[in-house]
């Protein structure tokens, strides 16, 4: 998968949202992770860092949006 710059896209997140009842944990998240870069997730306690990673690994499902990756790739 390539982006408009010609970089190899490893993982793409489109319009991802997660709600718990009335509480919105995050909404309309759009990210693209490209090959050759190192990424970190930072934020306050309870901001949804671990939850986002669980969505990326398929442990839980988001309310809306999608995670796009090559079917042969795995997240660990």
C-alpha atoms as a PDB file:
ATOM      1  CA  UNK A   1       0.000   0.000   0.000  1.00  0.00           C
ATOM      2  CA  UNK A   2       1.482   3.379  -0.994  1.00  0.00           C
ATOM      3  CA  UNK A   3       0.437   6.899  -0.044  1.00  0.00           C
ATOM      4  CA  UNK A   4       0.402   9.979  -2.298  1.00  0.00           C
ATOM      5  CA  UNK A   5       4.077  10.704  -1.482  1.00  0.00           C
ATOM      6  CA  UNK A   6       5.057   7.231  -2.673  1.00  0.00           C
ATOM      7  CA  UNK A   7       5.885   6.013   0.860  1.00  0.00           C
ATOM      8  CA  UNK A   8       4.937   2.488   1.870  1.00  0.00           C
ATOM      9  CA  UNK A   9       1.945   2.645   4.228  1.00  0.00           C
ATOM     10  CA  UNK A  10       2.039  -0.070   6.892  1.00  0.00           C
ATOM     11  CA  UNK A  11      -1.154   0.877   8.686  1.00  0.00           C
ATOM     12  CA  UNK A  12      -3.923   3.366   8.009  1.00  0.00           C
ATOM     13  CA  UNK A  13      -6.670   4.500  10.383  1.00  0.00           C
ATOM     14  CA  UNK A  14      -9.740   6.183   8.892  1.00  0.00           C
ATOM     15  CA  UNK A  15     -12.403   8.071  10.891  1.00  0.00           C
ATOM     16  CA  UNK A  16     -11.954   5.890  13.973  1.00  0.00           C
ATOM     17  CA  UNK A  17     -14.242   6.656  16.912  1.00  0.00           C
ATOM     18  CA  UNK A  18     -14.946   4.938  20.215  1.00  0.00           C
ATOM     19  CA  UNK A  19     -17.796   5.666  22.596  1.00  0.00           C
ATOM     20  CA  UNK A  20     -18.702   4.119  25.912  1.00  0.00           C
ATOM     21  CA  UNK A  21     -22.333   5.084  26.388  1.00  0.00           C
ATOM     22  CA  UNK A  22     -22.419   8.888  26.243  1.00  0.00           C
ATOM     23  CA  UNK A  23     -18.659   9.203  26.838  1.00  0.00           C
ATOM     24  CA  UNK A  24     -16.610   9.839  23.687  1.00  0.00           C
ATOM     25  CA  UNK A  25     -13.111   8.444  24.175  1.00  0.00           C
ATOM     26  CA  UNK A  26     -11.922   9.594  20.743  1.00  0.00           C
ATOM     27  CA  UNK A  27     -13.651  10.656  17.557  1.00  0.00           C
ATOM     28  CA  UNK A  28     -12.761  10.784  13.838  1.00  0.00           C
ATOM     29  CA  UNK A  29      -9.120   9.733  14.278  1.00  0.00           C
ATOM     30  CA  UNK A  30      -7.160   9.587  11.002  1.00  0.00           C
ATOM     31  CA  UNK A  31      -3.566   8.332  11.036  1.00  0.00           C
ATOM     32  CA  UNK A  32      -1.104   6.804   8.628  1.00  0.00           C
ATOM     33  CA  UNK A  33       1.958   4.843   9.714  1.00  0.00           C
ATOM     34  CA  UNK A  34       4.660   4.592   7.062  1.00  0.00           C
ATOM     35  CA  UNK A  35       7.558   2.186   6.765  1.00  0.00           C
ATOM     36  CA  UNK A  36      10.907   3.256   8.207  1.00  0.00           C
ATOM     37  CA  UNK A  37       9.498   5.442  11.007  1.00  0.00           C
ATOM     38  CA  UNK A  38       9.246   4.862  14.738  1.00  0.00           C
ATOM     39  CA  UNK A  39       6.007   5.866  16.479  1.00  0.00           C
ATOM     40  CA  UNK A  40       4.999   6.383  20.110  1.00  0.00           C
ATOM     41  CA  UNK A  41       1.640   6.886  21.778  1.00  0.00           C
ATOM     42  CA  UNK A  42       1.543   9.450  24.573  1.00  0.00           C
ATOM     43  CA  UNK A  43      -1.255  11.020  26.570  1.00  0.00           C
ATOM     44  CA  UNK A  44      -2.772  11.463  29.997  1.00  0.00           C
ATOM     45  CA  UNK A  45      -4.045   8.546  32.058  1.00  0.00           C
ATOM     46  CA  UNK A  46      -7.449   7.508  30.764  1.00  0.00           C
ATOM     47  CA  UNK A  47      -6.994   9.225  27.400  1.00  0.00           C
ATOM     48  CA  UNK A  48      -7.425   5.959  25.473  1.00  0.00           C
ATOM     49  CA  UNK A  49      -3.859   4.954  24.541  1.00  0.00           C
ATOM     50  CA  UNK A  50      -4.211   1.279  25.459  1.00  0.00           C
ATOM     51  CA  UNK A  51      -7.711   1.189  24.019  1.00  0.00           C
ATOM     52  CA  UNK A  52      -6.458   2.546  20.686  1.00  0.00           C
ATOM     53  CA  UNK A  53      -3.753  -0.137  20.589  1.00  0.00           C
ATOM     54  CA  UNK A  54      -6.345  -2.819  21.383  1.00  0.00           C
ATOM     55  CA  UNK A  55      -8.423  -1.618  18.429  1.00  0.00           C
ATOM     56  CA  UNK A  56      -5.355  -1.740  16.170  1.00  0.00           C
ATOM     57  CA  UNK A  57      -4.607  -5.325  17.222  1.00  0.00           C
ATOM     58  CA  UNK A  58      -8.236  -6.417  16.842  1.00  0.00           C
ATOM     59  CA  UNK A  59      -8.824  -7.124  20.533  1.00  0.00           C
ATOM     60  CA  UNK A  60     -11.784  -4.730  20.634  1.00  0.00           C
ATOM     61  CA  UNK A  61     -13.890  -3.061  17.956  1.00  0.00           C
ATOM     62  CA  UNK A  62     -14.314   0.650  17.388  1.00  0.00           C
ATOM     63  CA  UNK A  63     -17.682   2.359  17.292  1.00  0.00           C
ATOM     64  CA  UNK A  64     -16.982   3.716  13.788  1.00  0.00           C
ATOM     65  CA  UNK A  65     -14.136   3.826  11.289  1.00  0.00           C
ATOM     66  CA  UNK A  66     -11.692   1.284  10.009  1.00  0.00           C
ATOM     67  CA  UNK A  67      -8.129   0.054  10.399  1.00  0.00           C
ATOM     68  CA  UNK A  68      -6.474  -0.835   7.093  1.00  0.00           C
ATOM     69  CA  UNK A  69      -3.407  -3.057   6.957  1.00  0.00           C
ATOM     70  CA  UNK A  70      -2.046  -5.742   4.688  1.00  0.00           C
ATOM     71  CA  UNK A  71      -3.653  -9.038   5.612  1.00  0.00           C
ATOM     72  CA  UNK A  72      -0.203 -10.662   5.906  1.00  0.00           C
ATOM     73  CA  UNK A  73       1.004  -8.052   8.420  1.00  0.00           C
ATOM     74  CA  UNK A  74       0.573  -8.485  12.148  1.00  0.00           C
ATOM     75  CA  UNK A  75       0.665  -5.967  14.958  1.00  0.00           C
ATOM     76  CA  UNK A  76       2.481  -6.964  18.101  1.00  0.00           C
END
